[in-house]
Amino acid sequence: MIRRKIKPKKKAITIADYKAVFGTEKGRGVLADLMRNHYVLTSTYDTDPTLVALREGERNVVLRIMTMLKVDVEELQKRIEEIENQELDQES
């Protein structure tokens, strides 16, 4: 795969954009949803290799977002659990 080098200034702007989008409460909720639904927190394994490839592609997009944000995975897992608990409380 050929990767283009991003100029440092452009990369800094891109990272700032990611942080602006995902740095809000709603953005963090969206990221948590992406993690839950795109195989960041679960296995991509399946007996169908095509399905595994698709799932890995989905997962890689979310991992890229997390890399841009320099996300602490353990902290994010705690936040996801808190969000899920809040959702369960609201449903009760």
N, C-alpha and C. Protein backbone atom coordinates (compact mmCIF):
# COMPACT_ATOMS: atom_id res chain seq x y z
N MET A 1 0.84 -1.16 0.00
CA MET A 1 0.00 0.00 0.00
C MET A 1 0.89 1.24 0.00
N ILE A 2 0.55 2.20 -0.81
CA ILE A 2 1.29 3.46 -0.88
C ILE A 2 0.60 4.47 0.02
N ARG A 3 1.39 5.06 0.91
CA ARG A 3 0.84 6.06 1.82
C ARG A 3 1.47 7.39 1.48
N ARG A 4 0.63 8.41 1.39
CA ARG A 4 1.14 9.76 1.16
C ARG A 4 1.59 10.34 2.48
N LYS A 5 2.69 11.09 2.44
CA LYS A 5 3.14 11.78 3.63
C LYS A 5 2.33 13.06 3.78
N ILE A 6 1.87 13.29 4.98
CA ILE A 6 1.11 14.50 5.26
C ILE A 6 2.06 15.51 5.86
N LYS A 7 2.01 16.72 5.35
CA LYS A 7 2.86 17.77 5.88
C LYS A 7 2.50 18.02 7.34
N PRO A 8 3.50 18.31 8.17
CA PRO A 8 3.24 18.48 9.61
C PRO A 8 2.14 19.49 9.93
N LYS A 9 2.11 20.63 9.23
CA LYS A 9 1.09 21.64 9.52
C LYS A 9 -0.30 21.11 9.19
N LYS A 10 -0.43 20.45 8.05
CA LYS A 10 -1.72 19.89 7.66
C LYS A 10 -2.15 18.80 8.64
N LYS A 11 -1.19 17.98 9.08
CA LYS A 11 -1.51 16.93 10.04
C LYS A 11 -2.00 17.53 11.36
N ALA A 12 -1.36 18.59 11.81
CA ALA A 12 -1.77 19.26 13.04
C ALA A 12 -3.19 19.80 12.91
N ILE A 13 -3.51 20.36 11.77
CA ILE A 13 -4.87 20.87 11.54
C ILE A 13 -5.86 19.73 11.54
N THR A 14 -5.50 18.62 10.89
CA THR A 14 -6.39 17.46 10.84
C THR A 14 -6.64 16.91 12.24
N ILE A 15 -5.59 16.79 13.04
CA ILE A 15 -5.74 16.30 14.41
C ILE A 15 -6.64 17.24 15.21
N ALA A 16 -6.44 18.55 15.04
CA ALA A 16 -7.28 19.53 15.73
C ALA A 16 -8.74 19.37 15.32
N ASP A 17 -8.99 19.09 14.04
CA ASP A 17 -10.36 18.88 13.57
C ASP A 17 -10.98 17.64 14.22
N TYR A 18 -10.22 16.56 14.28
CA TYR A 18 -10.71 15.34 14.93
C TYR A 18 -11.06 15.63 16.39
N LYS A 19 -10.19 16.35 17.08
CA LYS A 19 -10.43 16.66 18.48
C LYS A 19 -11.64 17.57 18.65
N ALA A 20 -11.85 18.48 17.72
CA ALA A 20 -13.02 19.36 17.80
C ALA A 20 -14.31 18.55 17.64
N VAL A 21 -14.29 17.59 16.74
CA VAL A 21 -15.48 16.78 16.48
C VAL A 21 -15.73 15.79 17.62
N PHE A 22 -14.70 15.05 18.00
CA PHE A 22 -14.88 13.99 18.97
C PHE A 22 -14.60 14.43 20.41
N GLY A 23 -14.24 15.68 20.60
CA GLY A 23 -13.94 16.18 21.93
C GLY A 23 -15.17 16.63 22.70
N THR A 24 -16.29 16.70 22.03
CA THR A 24 -17.53 17.10 22.69
C THR A 24 -18.18 15.87 23.33
N GLU A 25 -19.15 16.10 24.18
CA GLU A 25 -19.86 14.98 24.81
C GLU A 25 -20.54 14.12 23.74
N LYS A 26 -21.18 14.77 22.78
CA LYS A 26 -21.85 14.01 21.71
C LYS A 26 -20.84 13.27 20.84
N GLY A 27 -19.71 13.90 20.58
CA GLY A 27 -18.67 13.26 19.79
C GLY A 27 -18.12 12.03 20.49
N ARG A 28 -17.95 12.12 21.80
CA ARG A 28 -17.48 10.96 22.57
C ARG A 28 -18.53 9.85 22.53
N GLY A 29 -19.80 10.23 22.55
CA GLY A 29 -20.86 9.23 22.44
C GLY A 29 -20.84 8.54 21.09
N VAL A 30 -20.61 9.33 20.04
CA VAL A 30 -20.52 8.75 18.69
C VAL A 30 -19.33 7.80 18.60
N LEU A 31 -18.20 8.21 19.16
CA LEU A 31 -17.02 7.34 19.13
C LEU A 31 -17.28 6.04 19.90
N ALA A 32 -17.94 6.14 21.03
CA ALA A 32 -18.29 4.94 21.80
C ALA A 32 -19.18 4.03 20.98
N ASP A 33 -20.15 4.61 20.29
CA ASP A 33 -21.05 3.83 19.43
C ASP A 33 -20.26 3.15 18.30
N LEU A 34 -19.35 3.89 17.68
CA LEU A 34 -18.53 3.30 16.62
C LEU A 34 -17.70 2.14 17.15
N MET A 35 -17.15 2.32 18.35
CA MET A 35 -16.35 1.25 18.94
C MET A 35 -17.19 0.01 19.22
N ARG A 36 -18.40 0.21 19.73
CA ARG A 36 -19.26 -0.94 20.05
C ARG A 36 -19.70 -1.67 18.80
N ASN A 37 -19.98 -0.94 17.73
CA ASN A 37 -20.60 -1.54 16.55
C ASN A 37 -19.64 -1.90 15.43
N HIS A 38 -18.37 -1.57 15.60
CA HIS A 38 -17.41 -1.84 14.53
C HIS A 38 -16.18 -2.58 15.02
N TYR A 39 -16.40 -3.51 15.94
CA TYR A 39 -15.43 -4.54 16.31
C TYR A 39 -14.16 -4.04 16.99
N VAL A 40 -14.24 -2.91 17.69
CA VAL A 40 -13.10 -2.48 18.48
C VAL A 40 -13.10 -3.20 19.82
N LEU A 41 -14.28 -3.48 20.34
CA LEU A 41 -14.40 -4.11 21.65
C LEU A 41 -14.72 -5.60 21.56
N THR A 42 -14.89 -6.10 20.35
CA THR A 42 -15.20 -7.51 20.16
C THR A 42 -14.32 -8.09 19.07
N SER A 43 -14.35 -9.38 18.95
CA SER A 43 -13.54 -10.07 17.94
C SER A 43 -14.13 -9.90 16.55
N THR A 44 -13.27 -9.88 15.56
CA THR A 44 -13.72 -9.84 14.16
C THR A 44 -13.82 -11.24 13.57
N TYR A 45 -13.54 -12.25 14.37
CA TYR A 45 -13.49 -13.63 13.87
C TYR A 45 -14.83 -14.09 13.31
N ASP A 46 -14.74 -14.81 12.20
CA ASP A 46 -15.87 -15.50 11.60
C ASP A 46 -15.27 -16.59 10.70
N THR A 47 -16.04 -17.60 10.40
CA THR A 47 -15.54 -18.65 9.51
C THR A 47 -15.45 -18.16 8.07
N ASP A 48 -16.14 -17.09 7.74
CA ASP A 48 -16.12 -16.52 6.40
C ASP A 48 -15.01 -15.46 6.32
N PRO A 49 -13.93 -15.73 5.58
CA PRO A 49 -12.82 -14.77 5.53
C PRO A 49 -13.21 -13.42 4.94
N THR A 50 -14.19 -13.40 4.06
CA THR A 50 -14.65 -12.13 3.49
C THR A 50 -15.28 -11.26 4.56
N LEU A 51 -16.06 -11.88 5.43
CA LEU A 51 -16.69 -11.16 6.53
C LEU A 51 -15.65 -10.64 7.51
N VAL A 52 -14.62 -11.44 7.76
CA VAL A 52 -13.53 -11.01 8.65
C VAL A 52 -12.84 -9.78 8.04
N ALA A 53 -12.57 -9.82 6.75
CA ALA A 53 -11.92 -8.69 6.07
C ALA A 53 -12.78 -7.42 6.18
N LEU A 54 -14.08 -7.57 5.98
CA LEU A 54 -14.99 -6.43 6.11
C LEU A 54 -14.95 -5.87 7.53
N ARG A 55 -15.04 -6.75 8.50
CA ARG A 55 -15.03 -6.31 9.91
C ARG A 55 -13.71 -5.63 10.26
N GLU A 56 -12.60 -6.17 9.77
CA GLU A 56 -11.30 -5.56 10.04
C GLU A 56 -11.21 -4.17 9.42
N GLY A 57 -11.81 -4.00 8.25
CA GLY A 57 -11.84 -2.68 7.62
C GLY A 57 -12.62 -1.69 8.47
N GLU A 58 -13.77 -2.11 8.96
CA GLU A 58 -14.58 -1.26 9.84
C GLU A 58 -13.77 -0.89 11.08
N ARG A 59 -13.15 -1.88 11.66
CA ARG A 59 -12.38 -1.70 12.89
C ARG A 59 -11.22 -0.73 12.67
N ASN A 60 -10.54 -0.84 11.53
CA ASN A 60 -9.39 0.01 11.25
C ASN A 60 -9.78 1.48 11.14
N VAL A 61 -10.95 1.77 10.63
CA VAL A 61 -11.41 3.17 10.55
C VAL A 61 -11.54 3.74 11.96
N VAL A 62 -12.15 2.99 12.86
CA VAL A 62 -12.34 3.47 14.23
C VAL A 62 -10.99 3.58 14.94
N LEU A 63 -10.10 2.63 14.70
CA LEU A 63 -8.77 2.70 15.30
C LEU A 63 -8.00 3.92 14.81
N ARG A 64 -8.20 4.30 13.56
CA ARG A 64 -7.55 5.52 13.04
C ARG A 64 -8.06 6.75 13.78
N ILE A 65 -9.35 6.82 13.99
CA ILE A 65 -9.91 7.94 14.74
C ILE A 65 -9.30 7.97 16.13
N MET A 66 -9.24 6.83 16.77
CA MET A 66 -8.69 6.74 18.12
C MET A 66 -7.22 7.14 18.14
N THR A 67 -6.48 6.76 17.11
CA THR A 67 -5.06 7.13 17.02
C THR A 67 -4.92 8.64 16.87
N MET A 68 -5.74 9.24 16.04
CA MET A 68 -5.69 10.69 15.85
C MET A 68 -5.98 11.43 17.16
N LEU A 69 -6.86 10.86 17.96
CA LEU A 69 -7.25 11.48 19.22
C LEU A 69 -6.32 11.10 20.38
N LYS A 70 -5.41 10.14 20.13
CA LYS A 70 -4.54 9.61 21.18
C LYS A 70 -5.38 9.13 22.37
N VAL A 71 -6.36 8.32 22.05
CA VAL A 71 -7.31 7.83 23.04
C VAL A 71 -6.66 6.83 23.98
N ASP A 72 -6.92 6.98 25.27
CA ASP A 72 -6.54 5.99 26.27
C ASP A 72 -7.66 4.95 26.26
N VAL A 73 -7.37 3.76 25.74
CA VAL A 73 -8.39 2.74 25.54
C VAL A 73 -9.05 2.33 26.85
N GLU A 74 -8.28 2.19 27.91
CA GLU A 74 -8.87 1.81 29.20
C GLU A 74 -9.84 2.88 29.70
N GLU A 75 -9.46 4.13 29.59
CA GLU A 75 -10.33 5.23 30.02
C GLU A 75 -11.59 5.26 29.17
N LEU A 76 -11.42 5.04 27.86
CA LEU A 76 -12.58 5.04 26.98
C LEU A 76 -13.52 3.88 27.30
N GLN A 77 -12.97 2.72 27.62
CA GLN A 77 -13.80 1.57 27.99
C GLN A 77 -14.64 1.91 29.22
N LYS A 78 -14.04 2.58 30.19
CA LYS A 78 -14.78 3.00 31.38
C LYS A 78 -15.93 3.93 31.00
N ARG A 79 -15.64 4.88 30.10
CA ARG A 79 -16.68 5.83 29.67
C ARG A 79 -17.82 5.10 28.95
N ILE A 80 -17.46 4.13 28.12
CA ILE A 80 -18.49 3.37 27.41
C ILE A 80 -19.38 2.64 28.39
N GLU A 81 -18.77 2.03 29.40
CA GLU A 81 -19.56 1.33 30.42
C GLU A 81 -20.47 2.30 31.16
N GLU A 82 -19.97 3.51 31.44
CA GLU A 82 -20.79 4.52 32.11
C GLU A 82 -21.98 4.91 31.23
N ILE A 83 -21.72 5.11 29.94
CA ILE A 83 -22.79 5.48 29.00
C ILE A 83 -23.82 4.36 28.92
N GLU A 84 -23.35 3.12 28.82
CA GLU A 84 -24.27 1.99 28.74
C GLU A 84 -25.11 1.87 30.02
N ASN A 85 -24.48 2.11 31.16
CA ASN A 85 -25.22 2.07 32.44
C ASN A 85 -26.27 3.18 32.50
N GLN A 86 -25.92 4.36 32.01
CA GLN A 86 -26.87 5.48 31.98
C GLN A 86 -28.05 5.15 31.07
N GLU A 87 -27.76 4.53 29.92
CA GLU A 87 -28.82 4.16 28.98
C GLU A 87 -29.74 3.13 29.61
N LEU A 88 -29.17 2.17 30.34
CA LEU A 88 -29.98 1.15 31.01
C LEU A 88 -30.86 1.80 32.09
N ASP A 89 -30.28 2.74 32.84
CA ASP A 89 -31.04 3.44 33.88
C ASP A 89 -32.20 4.22 33.27
N GLN A 90 -31.98 4.83 32.11
CA GLN A 90 -33.02 5.62 31.45
C GLN A 90 -34.14 4.72 30.94
N GLU A 91 -33.79 3.50 30.53
CA GLU A 91 -34.80 2.56 30.03
C GLU A 91 -35.65 2.00 31.15
N SER A 92 -35.12 1.99 32.38
CA SER A 92 -35.84 1.42 33.52
C SER A 92 -36.93 2.33 34.01
